[in-house]
Amino acid sequence: MKTLCLALGLTVLVTANASTQPTDQQLRTDWANLARFRDANSKLRPPLKNENRVVFLGNSITEGWQQYFPTMFPGKPYINRGIGGQTTPQMLVRFRQDVIALKPKVVVILAGTNDIAGNTGPSTLEMIEDNLASMAELARANGIKAVMSSVLPVYDYAWKPGLKPAPKIIALNKWMKNYAAQHDAIYLDYHSALTDARGGMRSELAPDGVHPNEAGYRIMAPLAEKAIEKALRSK
């Protein structure tokens, strides 16, 4: 499993259970991993009339957050739909199934770092931006407020060193902030609260430089709540 995790852009520090990661066969036959949440989605009840349901869509950073949801978001109807290693095209493919069909009021999108790492092949910033814009447009067309989360700071990827991602992440986040302001979305800035002088993640918040530990998520949680509250007020 260690080899597969590295190929997906994960490290052994990721807290998600290894059984939740896609197998080689799944990657060949279910590229976007639509099967991952299909059963859970089918068993999910419709939202109550006044329920402020929120879906968190993302990669291993979102997936790893799940273990802290009960204590960081107690009693909140927040649904985690993070899948380790995923890139924006994969999330775009499953956006209808894992977001729209669940009828949330808000979707919190955290994506793009694995694209920069090249997990599903080379990606330009424009390609990532197009996919993020498409997800935001799908959300808006279905009455869902999009919260576009900044990509978390990374100085180097352990599984693919030498890509110098820090300035690319800063540029992508700048585009995202401008896009959100112009297209009725909310920009959520995690980056400023987590970064160090090199443009990477502060070492005490992410031992592997990519995936937050509990301390990192504790910084992120109130920022997410503030963005969600803003999104709900603007609906």
Protein backbone atom coordinates (compact mmCIF):
# COMPACT_ATOMS: atom_id res chain seq x y z
CA MET A 1 0.00 0.00 0.00
CA LYS A 2 2.89 2.36 0.61
CA THR A 3 3.86 2.25 -3.08
CA LEU A 4 0.29 2.99 -4.17
CA CYS A 5 -0.05 5.85 -1.72
CA LEU A 6 3.10 7.49 -3.01
CA ALA A 7 1.90 7.12 -6.58
CA LEU A 8 -1.29 8.90 -5.61
CA GLY A 9 0.50 11.76 -4.00
CA LEU A 10 0.08 10.59 -0.43
CA THR A 11 2.57 9.78 2.26
CA VAL A 12 2.54 7.30 5.09
CA LEU A 13 1.65 10.21 7.38
CA VAL A 14 -1.85 10.46 5.91
CA THR A 15 -4.30 9.36 8.55
CA ALA A 16 -6.96 7.86 6.28
CA ASN A 17 -7.32 4.12 6.58
CA ALA A 18 -5.39 2.29 3.87
CA SER A 19 -8.51 0.35 2.92
CA THR A 20 -10.12 3.59 1.73
CA GLN A 21 -7.49 4.15 -0.96
CA PRO A 22 -8.28 2.97 -4.51
CA THR A 23 -6.65 -0.18 -5.78
CA ASP A 24 -4.78 -0.47 -9.09
CA GLN A 25 -7.84 -2.14 -10.60
CA GLN A 26 -10.12 0.69 -9.43
CA LEU A 27 -7.80 3.26 -10.96
CA ARG A 28 -8.02 1.46 -14.30
CA THR A 29 -11.82 1.02 -14.27
CA ASP A 30 -13.10 3.90 -12.10
CA TRP A 31 -10.68 6.76 -12.71
CA ALA A 32 -12.64 9.32 -10.68
CA ASN A 33 -13.46 6.77 -7.94
CA LEU A 34 -17.21 7.24 -8.28
CA ALA A 35 -17.68 4.00 -6.39
CA ARG A 36 -16.09 5.36 -3.23
CA PHE A 37 -19.13 7.21 -1.87
CA ARG A 38 -21.89 5.71 -4.00
CA ASP A 39 -23.36 3.56 -1.22
CA ALA A 40 -22.97 6.25 1.44
CA ASN A 41 -24.69 8.77 -0.82
CA SER A 42 -27.61 6.42 -1.48
CA LYS A 43 -28.18 6.00 2.26
CA LEU A 44 -28.01 9.70 3.06
CA ARG A 45 -31.40 11.19 3.92
CA PRO A 46 -32.55 14.39 2.17
CA PRO A 47 -31.68 17.56 4.09
CA LEU A 48 -34.28 18.83 6.52
CA LYS A 49 -36.14 22.03 5.65
CA ASN A 50 -33.89 24.36 7.64
CA GLU A 51 -30.73 22.26 7.53
CA ASN A 52 -27.54 24.06 6.52
CA ARG A 53 -25.94 21.07 4.87
CA VAL A 54 -22.37 21.56 3.67
CA VAL A 55 -20.26 19.21 1.53
CA PHE A 56 -16.46 19.35 1.81
CA LEU A 57 -15.01 18.20 -1.54
CA GLY A 58 -11.31 17.53 -1.82
CA ASN A 59 -8.32 15.23 -1.75
CA SER A 60 -6.36 13.60 1.11
CA ILE A 61 -6.25 16.88 3.03
CA THR A 62 -10.05 16.89 3.20
CA GLU A 63 -10.22 13.13 3.72
CA GLY A 64 -7.76 13.28 6.61
CA TRP A 65 -9.87 15.99 8.25
CA GLN A 66 -12.80 13.59 8.71
CA GLN A 67 -11.48 12.18 11.99
CA TYR A 68 -11.63 15.65 13.53
CA PHE A 69 -15.05 16.69 12.19
CA PRO A 70 -16.97 15.53 15.32
CA THR A 71 -14.86 17.72 17.62
CA MET A 72 -14.12 20.65 15.30
CA PHE A 73 -17.64 20.89 13.83
CA PRO A 74 -19.80 19.35 16.58
CA GLY A 75 -23.42 18.84 15.61
CA LYS A 76 -22.96 20.41 12.18
CA PRO A 77 -24.48 18.68 9.11
CA TYR A 78 -21.14 18.64 7.31
CA ILE A 79 -20.42 15.84 4.85
CA ASN A 80 -16.84 14.91 3.95
CA ARG A 81 -16.27 13.80 0.37
CA GLY A 82 -12.47 13.87 0.22
CA ILE A 83 -10.54 11.19 -1.66
CA GLY A 84 -6.79 10.87 -1.25
CA GLY A 85 -4.63 11.70 -4.25
CA GLN A 86 -7.36 13.27 -6.37
CA THR A 87 -6.95 16.08 -8.85
CA THR A 88 -9.46 18.68 -10.06
CA PRO A 89 -10.55 16.73 -13.18
CA GLN A 90 -11.41 13.73 -11.03
CA MET A 91 -13.41 15.90 -8.63
CA LEU A 92 -15.19 17.55 -11.53
CA VAL A 93 -16.29 14.14 -12.82
CA ARG A 94 -17.81 13.20 -9.45
CA PHE A 95 -19.19 16.67 -8.64
CA ARG A 96 -22.78 15.80 -9.55
CA GLN A 97 -22.79 12.54 -7.60
CA ASP A 98 -20.86 13.64 -4.52
CA VAL A 99 -22.06 17.25 -4.24
CA ILE A 100 -25.12 18.26 -6.28
CA ALA A 101 -27.11 15.07 -5.58
CA LEU A 102 -26.64 15.57 -1.83
CA LYS A 103 -28.45 18.94 -2.01
CA PRO A 104 -26.16 21.01 0.22
CA LYS A 105 -26.51 24.74 0.64
CA VAL A 106 -22.74 25.18 0.46
CA VAL A 107 -19.81 23.26 -1.02
CA VAL A 108 -16.27 23.84 0.28
CA ILE A 109 -13.85 22.97 -2.52
CA LEU A 110 -10.21 22.32 -1.62
CA ALA A 111 -8.31 21.15 -4.69
CA GLY A 112 -5.34 21.78 -6.94
CA THR A 113 -2.22 20.69 -5.08
CA ASN A 114 -2.23 17.22 -6.63
CA ASP A 115 -2.63 18.76 -10.09
CA ILE A 116 0.52 20.80 -9.48
CA ALA A 117 2.23 17.61 -8.34
CA GLY A 118 1.17 15.92 -11.59
CA ASN A 119 -0.78 13.05 -10.01
CA THR A 120 -2.90 12.49 -13.13
CA GLY A 121 -0.41 13.91 -15.60
CA PRO A 122 1.01 17.35 -16.30
CA SER A 123 -1.37 20.23 -15.57
CA THR A 124 -0.97 23.89 -16.37
CA LEU A 125 -2.42 26.50 -14.02
CA GLU A 126 -4.99 27.31 -16.71
CA MET A 127 -6.18 23.68 -16.73
CA ILE A 128 -6.61 23.72 -12.94
CA GLU A 129 -8.39 27.07 -13.09
CA ASP A 130 -10.80 25.78 -15.75
CA ASN A 131 -11.75 22.80 -13.60
CA LEU A 132 -12.24 24.92 -10.48
CA ALA A 133 -14.35 27.39 -12.45
CA SER A 134 -16.46 24.54 -13.83
CA MET A 135 -17.14 23.21 -10.33
CA ALA A 136 -18.11 26.68 -9.13
CA GLU A 137 -20.41 27.13 -12.13
CA LEU A 138 -22.07 23.75 -11.55
CA ALA A 139 -22.65 24.69 -7.94
CA ARG A 140 -24.12 28.09 -8.83
CA ALA A 141 -26.40 26.58 -11.48
CA ASN A 142 -27.82 24.24 -8.84
CA GLY A 143 -28.37 26.83 -6.12
CA ILE A 144 -25.29 25.83 -4.12
CA LYS A 145 -22.91 28.48 -2.81
CA ALA A 146 -19.30 27.67 -3.66
CA VAL A 147 -16.52 28.27 -1.16
CA MET A 148 -13.24 28.14 -3.08
CA SER A 149 -10.44 27.25 -0.67
CA SER A 150 -6.89 28.37 -1.27
CA VAL A 151 -4.41 25.60 -1.98
CA LEU A 152 -2.38 24.95 1.15
CA PRO A 153 1.29 26.01 1.06
CA VAL A 154 3.85 23.44 -0.09
CA TYR A 155 7.59 23.98 -0.50
CA ASP A 156 8.27 20.56 -2.03
CA TYR A 157 6.42 17.28 -2.60
CA ALA A 158 8.18 14.33 -1.00
CA TRP A 159 6.87 11.92 -3.67
CA LYS A 160 7.88 14.23 -6.55
CA PRO A 161 10.65 16.59 -5.43
CA GLY A 162 11.99 19.50 -7.40
CA LEU A 163 8.74 20.91 -8.83
CA LYS A 164 9.03 24.17 -6.88
CA PRO A 165 5.28 24.34 -6.20
CA ALA A 166 5.25 27.34 -3.83
CA PRO A 167 5.03 30.13 -6.46
CA LYS A 168 2.57 28.11 -8.56
CA ILE A 169 0.30 27.72 -5.54
CA ILE A 170 0.49 31.44 -4.80
CA ALA A 171 -0.44 32.25 -8.41
CA LEU A 172 -3.34 29.79 -8.39
CA ASN A 173 -4.66 31.22 -5.14
CA LYS A 174 -4.48 34.76 -6.53
CA TRP A 175 -6.54 33.66 -9.53
CA MET A 176 -9.03 31.90 -7.23
CA LYS A 177 -9.50 34.98 -5.05
CA ASN A 178 -10.16 37.14 -8.12
CA TYR A 179 -12.51 34.56 -9.66
CA ALA A 180 -14.54 34.26 -6.46
CA ALA A 181 -14.93 38.03 -6.21
CA GLN A 182 -16.19 38.25 -9.79
CA HIS A 183 -18.48 35.19 -9.82
CA ASP A 184 -20.52 35.25 -6.61
CA ALA A 185 -18.36 32.72 -4.76
CA ILE A 186 -16.53 32.88 -1.42
CA TYR A 187 -12.74 32.74 -1.21
CA LEU A 188 -11.36 30.90 1.81
CA ASP A 189 -7.74 31.76 2.58
CA TYR A 190 -6.02 28.93 4.44
CA HIS A 191 -2.66 29.72 2.87
CA SER A 192 -1.90 32.92 4.78
CA ALA A 193 -2.52 31.23 8.13
CA LEU A 194 -0.33 28.19 7.44
CA THR A 195 2.62 29.41 5.40
CA ASP A 196 6.23 29.91 6.43
CA ALA A 197 8.89 32.26 5.07
CA ARG A 198 9.71 29.89 2.17
CA GLY A 199 6.12 29.63 1.01
CA GLY A 200 5.80 26.14 2.46
CA MET A 201 3.70 24.85 5.33
CA ARG A 202 4.95 25.58 8.83
CA SER A 203 6.71 22.44 10.04
CA GLU A 204 4.75 22.20 13.30
CA LEU A 205 1.51 22.05 11.29
CA ALA A 206 2.45 19.42 8.69
CA PRO A 207 5.33 17.00 9.40
CA ASP A 208 5.46 15.95 5.74
CA GLY A 209 5.09 19.51 4.44
CA VAL A 210 1.76 18.79 2.72
CA HIS A 211 -0.84 17.16 4.98
CA PRO A 212 -1.93 19.10 8.08
CA ASN A 213 -1.80 17.47 11.49
CA GLU A 214 -4.41 18.19 14.17
CA ALA A 215 -2.81 21.56 14.94
CA GLY A 216 -3.07 22.52 11.28
CA TYR A 217 -6.72 21.50 11.07
CA ARG A 218 -7.45 23.48 14.24
CA ILE A 219 -6.27 26.60 12.45
CA MET A 220 -8.29 25.72 9.36
CA ALA A 221 -11.58 24.89 11.10
CA PRO A 222 -12.60 28.39 12.26
CA LEU A 223 -11.58 29.82 8.90
CA ALA A 224 -13.85 27.30 7.19
CA GLU A 225 -16.70 28.09 9.57
CA LYS A 226 -16.37 31.81 8.90
CA ALA A 227 -16.45 31.24 5.13
CA ILE A 228 -19.47 28.92 5.43
CA GLU A 229 -21.35 31.46 7.54
CA LYS A 230 -20.61 34.14 4.94
CA ALA A 231 -21.81 31.83 2.17
CA LEU A 232 -25.07 31.06 4.00
CA ARG A 233 -25.74 34.76 4.62
CA SER A 234 -25.28 35.54 0.94
CA LYS A 235 -27.70 32.91 -0.36
